[in-house]
Amino acid sequence: MAPTGLLLESAPASPAHSENSSCYTDPGIKEIVKTLPSRMDLAAMLEKHEATFHTRLEGLETEAKQVSHWVQELEEDRDMIHAQIQILTSKVENQSPNYAYMQRSLDDIDNRGCRNNLRIRGLPETGGEDLPAILPELFNLILGKAADMPILFDRAHRSLKLRNTADTHRNIVCRLHYFTIKDEINDHPPLIYHGHEIQVFPDLSWLTLNARRSLKPITDQLRATGTAYAETS
């Protein structure tokens, strides 16, 4: 039987040891290993990326500060505009009574300029009609005078047709020279003239007519109950 020491020296080498040794000695592997970045290369690349990141981060911080400055300016402008709006709103509210007074004054001037005017509704239109010749007969009928009694006019004409109305006849607007005659005619109730119902109204401004329309339900109830009331301008 051979000694144990001789058997150990003559044992073949391990296969794994042989393969690893051949890998490290292969020339192709050595060339690939040489082309791989070293630790210094990786450190340089990391430093370069960190510098780029810091540069971009500084740019974002600058833009954020600029945006914050713009937002602050916008908030200051908003506060200033809000304060100005409050001032203007206060001024408008203070001027509202003056505006209403001026509007009523202008409306009063308009009505005073037309206080000799009358509007006649219901008289049919005819081609080539002569209103200054037709109206004296109508007004003398209202006044209970002879048909040929002269009545002095300043002017007489047809008005524009009102929208959304079934009345196909345009109203007549006339200005009498004397206010007293106009006042007597104006107080007369509707009458029949040549088979047509004729109504005579004062020539009032648009604002006054709208105000009267809005108050009509109230005035109708006052009349129904016999309550006295007076119109004020």
C-alpha atoms as a PDB file:
ATOM      1  CA  MET A   1       0.000   0.000   0.000  1.00  0.00           C
ATOM      2  CA  ALA A   2       1.498   3.331  -1.099  1.00  0.00           C
ATOM      3  CA  PRO A   3       2.083   6.166   1.416  1.00  0.00           C
ATOM      4  CA  THR A   4      -0.593   8.917   1.751  1.00  0.00           C
ATOM      5  CA  GLY A   5       1.796  11.753   0.964  1.00  0.00           C
ATOM      6  CA  LEU A   6       2.613  10.264  -2.434  1.00  0.00           C
ATOM      7  CA  LEU A   7      -1.069   9.986  -3.281  1.00  0.00           C
ATOM      8  CA  LEU A   8      -1.697  13.710  -2.524  1.00  0.00           C
ATOM      9  CA  GLU A   9       1.180  14.928  -4.680  1.00  0.00           C
ATOM     10  CA  SER A  10       0.091  12.860  -7.644  1.00  0.00           C
ATOM     11  CA  ALA A  11      -3.664  13.962  -7.504  1.00  0.00           C
ATOM     12  CA  PRO A  12      -4.864  15.891 -10.606  1.00  0.00           C
ATOM     13  CA  ALA A  13      -5.655  19.650 -10.394  1.00  0.00           C
ATOM     14  CA  SER A  14      -9.241  20.904  -9.769  1.00  0.00           C
ATOM     15  CA  PRO A  15     -11.230  21.671 -12.976  1.00  0.00           C
ATOM     16  CA  ALA A  16     -12.586  25.012 -11.573  1.00  0.00           C
ATOM     17  CA  HIS A  17      -9.074  26.180 -10.784  1.00  0.00           C
ATOM     18  CA  SER A  18      -7.960  25.345 -14.285  1.00  0.00           C
ATOM     19  CA  GLU A  19     -10.873  27.292 -15.943  1.00  0.00           C
ATOM     20  CA  ASN A  20     -10.324  30.464 -13.860  1.00  0.00           C
ATOM     21  CA  SER A  21      -6.673  30.432 -14.649  1.00  0.00           C
ATOM     22  CA  SER A  22      -7.427  30.202 -18.356  1.00  0.00           C
ATOM     23  CA  CYS A  23      -9.881  33.175 -18.170  1.00  0.00           C
ATOM     24  CA  TYR A  24      -7.296  35.491 -16.670  1.00  0.00           C
ATOM     25  CA  THR A  25      -4.732  34.442 -19.196  1.00  0.00           C
ATOM     26  CA  ASP A  26      -7.033  34.857 -22.268  1.00  0.00           C
ATOM     27  CA  PRO A  27      -5.737  37.879 -24.317  1.00  0.00           C
ATOM     28  CA  GLY A  28      -9.271  38.883 -25.468  1.00  0.00           C
ATOM     29  CA  ILE A  29     -10.549  39.164 -21.941  1.00  0.00           C
ATOM     30  CA  LYS A  30      -7.584  41.313 -20.988  1.00  0.00           C
ATOM     31  CA  GLU A  31      -8.316  43.768 -23.782  1.00  0.00           C
ATOM     32  CA  ILE A  32     -11.980  44.050 -22.700  1.00  0.00           C
ATOM     33  CA  VAL A  33     -10.933  44.639 -19.120  1.00  0.00           C
ATOM     34  CA  LYS A  34      -8.558  47.390 -20.246  1.00  0.00           C
ATOM     35  CA  THR A  35     -11.396  49.255 -21.998  1.00  0.00           C
ATOM     36  CA  LEU A  36     -13.615  49.296 -18.898  1.00  0.00           C
ATOM     37  CA  PRO A  37     -13.687  52.656 -16.983  1.00  0.00           C
ATOM     38  CA  SER A  38     -11.517  52.820 -13.970  1.00  0.00           C
ATOM     39  CA  ARG A  39     -12.498  54.077 -10.539  1.00  0.00           C
ATOM     40  CA  MET A  40     -11.074  57.504 -11.360  1.00  0.00           C
ATOM     41  CA  ASP A  41     -13.128  57.629 -14.574  1.00  0.00           C
ATOM     42  CA  LEU A  42     -16.321  56.814 -12.691  1.00  0.00           C
ATOM     43  CA  ALA A  43     -15.537  59.466 -10.101  1.00  0.00           C
ATOM     44  CA  ALA A  44     -14.963  62.059 -12.849  1.00  0.00           C
ATOM     45  CA  MET A  45     -18.236  61.133 -14.557  1.00  0.00           C
ATOM     46  CA  LEU A  46     -20.109  61.377 -11.261  1.00  0.00           C
ATOM     47  CA  GLU A  47     -18.547  64.762 -10.538  1.00  0.00           C
ATOM     48  CA  LYS A  48     -19.521  65.990 -14.008  1.00  0.00           C
ATOM     49  CA  HIS A  49     -23.137  64.883 -13.584  1.00  0.00           C
ATOM     50  CA  GLU A  50     -23.282  66.456 -10.131  1.00  0.00           C
ATOM     51  CA  ALA A  51     -22.014  69.761 -11.565  1.00  0.00           C
ATOM     52  CA  THR A  52     -24.663  69.639 -14.342  1.00  0.00           C
ATOM     53  CA  PHE A  53     -27.365  68.816 -11.805  1.00  0.00           C
ATOM     54  CA  HIS A  54     -26.309  71.692  -9.543  1.00  0.00           C
ATOM     55  CA  THR A  55     -26.255  74.089 -12.502  1.00  0.00           C
ATOM     56  CA  ARG A  56     -29.769  73.115 -13.547  1.00  0.00           C
ATOM     57  CA  LEU A  57     -30.964  73.252  -9.949  1.00  0.00           C
ATOM     58  CA  GLU A  58     -29.581  76.781  -9.584  1.00  0.00           C
ATOM     59  CA  GLY A  59     -31.403  77.776 -12.785  1.00  0.00           C
ATOM     60  CA  LEU A  60     -34.671  76.371 -11.420  1.00  0.00           C
ATOM     61  CA  GLU A  61     -34.148  78.205  -8.142  1.00  0.00           C
ATOM     62  CA  THR A  62     -33.583  81.456 -10.065  1.00  0.00           C
ATOM     63  CA  GLU A  63     -36.739  80.924 -12.119  1.00  0.00           C
ATOM     64  CA  ALA A  64     -38.709  80.054  -8.972  1.00  0.00           C
ATOM     65  CA  LYS A  65     -37.540  83.280  -7.313  1.00  0.00           C
ATOM     66  CA  GLN A  66     -38.507  85.251 -10.424  1.00  0.00           C
ATOM     67  CA  VAL A  67     -41.945  83.639 -10.539  1.00  0.00           C
ATOM     68  CA  SER A  68     -42.376  84.325  -6.833  1.00  0.00           C
ATOM     69  CA  HIS A  69     -41.499  87.970  -7.483  1.00  0.00           C
ATOM     70  CA  TRP A  70     -44.041  88.154 -10.300  1.00  0.00           C
ATOM     71  CA  VAL A  71     -46.710  86.582  -8.104  1.00  0.00           C
ATOM     72  CA  GLN A  72     -45.986  89.117  -5.387  1.00  0.00           C
ATOM     73  CA  GLU A  73     -46.278  91.980  -7.894  1.00  0.00           C
ATOM     74  CA  LEU A  74     -49.568  90.563  -9.197  1.00  0.00           C
ATOM     75  CA  GLU A  75     -50.930  90.298  -5.666  1.00  0.00           C
ATOM     76  CA  GLU A  76     -49.907  93.907  -4.974  1.00  0.00           C
ATOM     77  CA  ASP A  77     -51.547  95.035  -8.235  1.00  0.00           C
ATOM     78  CA  ARG A  78     -54.681  93.070  -7.337  1.00  0.00           C
ATOM     79  CA  ASP A  79     -54.870  94.744  -3.939  1.00  0.00           C
ATOM     80  CA  MET A  80     -54.368  98.159  -5.547  1.00  0.00           C
ATOM     81  CA  ILE A  81     -57.053  97.485  -8.193  1.00  0.00           C
ATOM     82  CA  HIS A  82     -59.424  96.203  -5.513  1.00  0.00           C
ATOM     83  CA  ALA A  83     -58.910  99.393  -3.516  1.00  0.00           C
ATOM     84  CA  GLN A  84     -59.501 101.520  -6.620  1.00  0.00           C
ATOM     85  CA  ILE A  85     -62.675  99.586  -7.441  1.00  0.00           C
ATOM     86  CA  GLN A  86     -63.958 100.194  -3.922  1.00  0.00           C
ATOM     87  CA  ILE A  87     -63.260 103.921  -4.312  1.00  0.00           C
ATOM     88  CA  LEU A  88     -65.003 104.044  -7.708  1.00  0.00           C
ATOM     89  CA  THR A  89     -67.942 102.028  -6.378  1.00  0.00           C
ATOM     90  CA  SER A  90     -68.316 104.457  -3.494  1.00  0.00           C
ATOM     91  CA  LYS A  91     -68.202 107.417  -5.893  1.00  0.00           C
ATOM     92  CA  VAL A  92     -70.818 105.845  -8.175  1.00  0.00           C
ATOM     93  CA  GLU A  93     -73.099 105.142  -5.225  1.00  0.00           C
ATOM     94  CA  ASN A  94     -72.701 108.742  -4.070  1.00  0.00           C
ATOM     95  CA  GLN A  95     -73.499 110.015  -7.572  1.00  0.00           C
ATOM     96  CA  SER A  96     -76.594 107.821  -8.005  1.00  0.00           C
ATOM     97  CA  PRO A  97     -78.973 110.354  -6.336  1.00  0.00           C
ATOM     98  CA  ASN A  98     -77.523 113.130  -8.488  1.00  0.00           C
ATOM     99  CA  TYR A  99     -77.966 111.016 -11.611  1.00  0.00           C
ATOM    100  CA  ALA A 100     -81.574 110.241 -10.700  1.00  0.00           C
ATOM    101  CA  TYR A 101     -82.218 113.941 -10.064  1.00  0.00           C
ATOM    102  CA  MET A 102     -80.685 114.920 -13.402  1.00  0.00           C
ATOM    103  CA  GLN A 103     -82.709 112.252 -15.198  1.00  0.00           C
ATOM    104  CA  ARG A 104     -85.942 113.491 -13.652  1.00  0.00           C
ATOM    105  CA  SER A 105     -84.995 117.087 -14.457  1.00  0.00           C
ATOM    106  CA  LEU A 106     -84.350 116.236 -18.102  1.00  0.00           C
ATOM    107  CA  ASP A 107     -87.616 114.316 -18.213  1.00  0.00           C
ATOM    108  CA  ASP A 108     -89.401 117.345 -16.781  1.00  0.00           C
ATOM    109  CA  ILE A 109     -87.788 119.589 -19.413  1.00  0.00           C
ATOM    110  CA  ASP A 110     -88.895 117.162 -22.123  1.00  0.00           C
ATOM    111  CA  ASN A 111     -92.467 117.168 -20.832  1.00  0.00           C
ATOM    112  CA  ARG A 112     -92.500 120.963 -20.511  1.00  0.00           C
ATOM    113  CA  GLY A 113     -91.352 121.270 -24.117  1.00  0.00           C
ATOM    114  CA  CYS A 114     -94.330 119.106 -25.164  1.00  0.00           C
ATOM    115  CA  ARG A 115     -96.931 120.516 -22.790  1.00  0.00           C
ATOM    116  CA  ASN A 116     -98.905 122.046 -25.677  1.00  0.00           C
ATOM    117  CA  ASN A 117     -98.857 118.706 -27.524  1.00  0.00           C
ATOM    118  CA  LEU A 118    -101.662 116.166 -27.845  1.00  0.00           C
ATOM    119  CA  ARG A 119    -101.726 112.606 -29.136  1.00  0.00           C
ATOM    120  CA  ILE A 120    -104.842 111.449 -30.950  1.00  0.00           C
ATOM    121  CA  ARG A 121    -105.443 107.716 -31.292  1.00  0.00           C
ATOM    122  CA  GLY A 122    -108.014 105.953 -33.473  1.00  0.00           C
ATOM    123  CA  LEU A 123    -108.243 108.258 -36.462  1.00  0.00           C
ATOM    124  CA  PRO A 124    -107.648 106.142 -39.614  1.00  0.00           C
ATOM    125  CA  GLU A 125    -105.044 107.185 -42.123  1.00  0.00           C
ATOM    126  CA  THR A 126    -106.024 108.370 -45.594  1.00  0.00           C
ATOM    127  CA  GLY A 127    -103.784 109.155 -48.488  1.00  0.00           C
ATOM    128  CA  GLY A 128    -102.816 112.815 -48.726  1.00  0.00           C
ATOM    129  CA  GLU A 129    -104.698 113.751 -45.560  1.00  0.00           C
ATOM    130  CA  ASP A 130    -104.554 117.359 -44.399  1.00  0.00           C
ATOM    131  CA  LEU A 131    -104.345 117.086 -40.612  1.00  0.00           C
ATOM    132  CA  PRO A 132    -104.558 120.852 -39.869  1.00  0.00           C
ATOM    133  CA  ALA A 133    -107.843 120.859 -41.791  1.00  0.00           C
ATOM    134  CA  ILE A 134    -109.229 117.661 -40.199  1.00  0.00           C
ATOM    135  CA  LEU A 135    -108.344 118.254 -36.542  1.00  0.00           C
ATOM    136  CA  PRO A 136    -110.300 121.530 -35.998  1.00  0.00           C
ATOM    137  CA  GLU A 137    -113.573 119.713 -36.727  1.00  0.00           C
ATOM    138  CA  LEU A 138    -112.628 116.984 -34.205  1.00  0.00           C
ATOM    139  CA  PHE A 139    -111.521 119.437 -31.540  1.00  0.00           C
ATOM    140  CA  ASN A 140    -114.601 121.640 -32.001  1.00  0.00           C
ATOM    141  CA  LEU A 141    -116.711 118.513 -31.518  1.00  0.00           C
ATOM    142  CA  ILE A 142    -114.856 117.842 -28.257  1.00  0.00           C
ATOM    143  CA  LEU A 143    -115.236 121.488 -27.140  1.00  0.00           C
ATOM    144  CA  GLY A 144    -118.917 121.617 -28.141  1.00  0.00           C
ATOM    145  CA  LYS A 145    -118.371 124.418 -30.646  1.00  0.00           C
ATOM    146  CA  ALA A 146    -119.271 124.908 -34.277  1.00  0.00           C
ATOM    147  CA  ALA A 147    -117.276 122.731 -36.663  1.00  0.00           C
ATOM    148  CA  ASP A 148    -115.955 125.739 -38.597  1.00  0.00           C
ATOM    149  CA  MET A 149    -114.561 127.552 -35.568  1.00  0.00           C
ATOM    150  CA  PRO A 150    -110.840 128.233 -36.174  1.00  0.00           C
ATOM    151  CA  ILE A 151    -108.268 126.536 -33.921  1.00  0.00           C
ATOM    152  CA  LEU A 152    -104.682 127.647 -34.156  1.00  0.00           C
ATOM    153  CA  PHE A 153    -102.051 124.872 -34.644  1.00  0.00           C
ATOM    154  CA  ASP A 154     -98.289 125.143 -34.613  1.00  0.00           C
ATOM    155  CA  ARG A 155     -97.872 121.735 -36.275  1.00  0.00           C
ATOM    156  CA  ALA A 156     -99.528 118.321 -36.717  1.00  0.00           C
ATOM    157  CA  HIS A 157     -98.141 115.023 -38.038  1.00  0.00           C
ATOM    158  CA  ARG A 158     -98.365 111.243 -37.732  1.00  0.00           C
ATOM    159  CA  SER A 159     -96.049 109.524 -35.272  1.00  0.00           C
ATOM    160  CA  LEU A 160     -93.987 106.419 -35.874  1.00  0.00           C
ATOM    161  CA  LYS A 161     -95.815 103.100 -35.600  1.00  0.00           C
ATOM    162  CA  LEU A 162     -95.344 101.375 -32.262  1.00  0.00           C
ATOM    163  CA  ARG A 163     -93.848  97.884 -32.258  1.00  0.00           C
ATOM    164  CA  ASN A 164     -95.839  94.825 -31.138  1.00  0.00           C
ATOM    165  CA  THR A 165     -99.179  96.572 -31.434  1.00  0.00           C
ATOM    166  CA  ALA A 166    -102.317  95.473 -33.242  1.00  0.00           C
ATOM    167  CA  ASP A 167    -103.292  99.090 -33.981  1.00  0.00           C
ATOM    168  CA  THR A 168    -102.622  99.716 -37.658  1.00  0.00           C
ATOM    169  CA  HIS A 169    -103.170 103.483 -37.380  1.00  0.00           C
ATOM    170  CA  ARG A 170    -100.340 105.713 -36.334  1.00  0.00           C
ATOM    171  CA  ASN A 171    -101.088 108.253 -33.652  1.00  0.00           C
ATOM    172  CA  ILE A 172    -101.374 111.918 -34.524  1.00  0.00           C
ATOM    173  CA  VAL A 173     -99.139 114.348 -32.662  1.00  0.00           C
ATOM    174  CA  CYS A 174    -100.220 117.965 -32.799  1.00  0.00           C
ATOM    175  CA  ARG A 175     -99.134 121.127 -31.041  1.00  0.00           C
ATOM    176  CA  LEU A 176    -101.821 123.674 -30.265  1.00  0.00           C
ATOM    177  CA  HIS A 177    -100.793 127.280 -30.038  1.00  0.00           C
ATOM    178  CA  TYR A 178    -102.669 127.948 -26.792  1.00  0.00           C
ATOM    179  CA  PHE A 179    -102.204 125.774 -23.744  1.00  0.00           C
ATOM    180  CA  THR A 180    -105.691 126.505 -22.392  1.00  0.00           C
ATOM    181  CA  ILE A 181    -107.313 125.005 -25.519  1.00  0.00           C
ATOM    182  CA  LYS A 182    -105.065 121.967 -25.281  1.00  0.00           C
ATOM    183  CA  ASP A 183    -105.969 121.532 -21.595  1.00  0.00           C
ATOM    184  CA  GLU A 184    -109.707 121.627 -22.330  1.00  0.00           C
ATOM    185  CA  ILE A 185    -109.383 119.029 -25.096  1.00  0.00           C
ATOM    186  CA  ASN A 186    -107.129 116.784 -23.014  1.00  0.00           C
ATOM    187  CA  ASP A 187    -109.687 116.353 -20.221  1.00  0.00           C
ATOM    188  CA  HIS A 188    -112.359 114.980 -22.566  1.00  0.00           C
ATOM    189  CA  PRO A 189    -113.227 111.239 -22.419  1.00  0.00           C
ATOM    190  CA  PRO A 190    -113.128 109.040 -25.565  1.00  0.00           C
ATOM    191  CA  LEU A 191    -115.717 109.896 -28.239  1.00  0.00           C
ATOM    192  CA  ILE A 192    -117.025 108.540 -31.558  1.00  0.00           C
ATOM    193  CA  TYR A 193    -115.962 110.521 -34.632  1.00  0.00           C
ATOM    194  CA  HIS A 194    -117.153 109.367 -38.080  1.00  0.00           C
ATOM    195  CA  GLY A 195    -117.692 105.868 -36.718  1.00  0.00           C
ATOM    196  CA  HIS A 196    -114.268 105.617 -35.016  1.00  0.00           C
ATOM    197  CA  GLU A 197    -113.502 105.744 -31.312  1.00  0.00           C
ATOM    198  CA  ILE A 198    -111.092 108.588 -30.758  1.00  0.00           C
ATOM    199  CA  GLN A 199    -108.896 108.941 -27.677  1.00  0.00           C
ATOM    200  CA  VAL A 200    -106.891 112.013 -26.813  1.00  0.00           C
ATOM    201  CA  PHE A 201    -103.805 111.853 -24.579  1.00  0.00           C
ATOM    202  CA  PRO A 202    -101.138 114.290 -23.439  1.00  0.00           C
ATOM    203  CA  ASP A 203     -97.833 113.907 -25.257  1.00  0.00           C
ATOM    204  CA  LEU A 204     -95.570 112.675 -22.462  1.00  0.00           C
ATOM    205  CA  SER A 205     -91.975 111.499 -22.449  1.00  0.00           C
ATOM    206  CA  TRP A 206     -91.015 107.828 -22.620  1.00  0.00           C
ATOM    207  CA  LEU A 207     -89.809 107.758 -19.007  1.00  0.00           C
ATOM    208  CA  THR A 208     -93.008 109.325 -17.704  1.00  0.00           C
ATOM    209  CA  LEU A 209     -95.153 106.871 -19.674  1.00  0.00           C
ATOM    210  CA  ASN A 210     -93.184 103.909 -18.311  1.00  0.00           C
ATOM    211  CA  ALA A 211     -93.502 105.251 -14.772  1.00  0.00           C
ATOM    212  CA  ARG A 212     -97.268 105.604 -15.220  1.00  0.00           C
ATOM    213  CA  ARG A 213     -97.536 102.066 -16.618  1.00  0.00           C
ATOM    214  CA  SER A 214     -95.676 100.659 -13.611  1.00  0.00           C
ATOM    215  CA  LEU A 215     -97.961 102.583 -11.205  1.00  0.00           C
ATOM    216  CA  LYS A 216    -101.197 101.763 -13.062  1.00  0.00           C
ATOM    217  CA  PRO A 217    -102.125  98.707 -10.893  1.00  0.00           C
ATOM    218  CA  ILE A 218    -101.804 100.881  -7.785  1.00  0.00           C
ATOM    219  CA  THR A 219    -103.715 103.851  -9.205  1.00  0.00           C
ATOM    220  CA  ASP A 220    -106.476 101.522 -10.425  1.00  0.00           C
ATOM    221  CA  GLN A 221    -106.941 100.197  -6.890  1.00  0.00           C
ATOM    222  CA  LEU A 222    -106.949 103.749  -5.517  1.00  0.00           C
ATOM    223  CA  ARG A 223    -109.647 104.759  -7.992  1.00  0.00           C
ATOM    224  CA  ALA A 224    -111.675 101.621  -7.218  1.00  0.00           C
ATOM    225  CA  THR A 225    -111.660 102.448  -3.503  1.00  0.00           C
ATOM    226  CA  GLY A 226    -112.241 106.150  -4.058  1.00  0.00           C
ATOM    227  CA  THR A 227    -108.925 107.100  -2.495  1.00  0.00           C
ATOM    228  CA  ALA A 228    -107.655 110.519  -3.541  1.00  0.00           C
ATOM    229  CA  TYR A 229    -104.076 110.741  -4.790  1.00  0.00           C
ATOM    230  CA  ALA A 230    -101.897 113.225  -6.635  1.00  0.00           C
ATOM    231  CA  GLU A 231     -99.120 112.731  -9.185  1.00  0.00           C
ATOM    232  CA  THR A 232     -95.832 114.446  -8.371  1.00  0.00           C
ATOM    233  CA  SER A 233     -92.855 114.955 -10.612  1.00  0.00           C
END
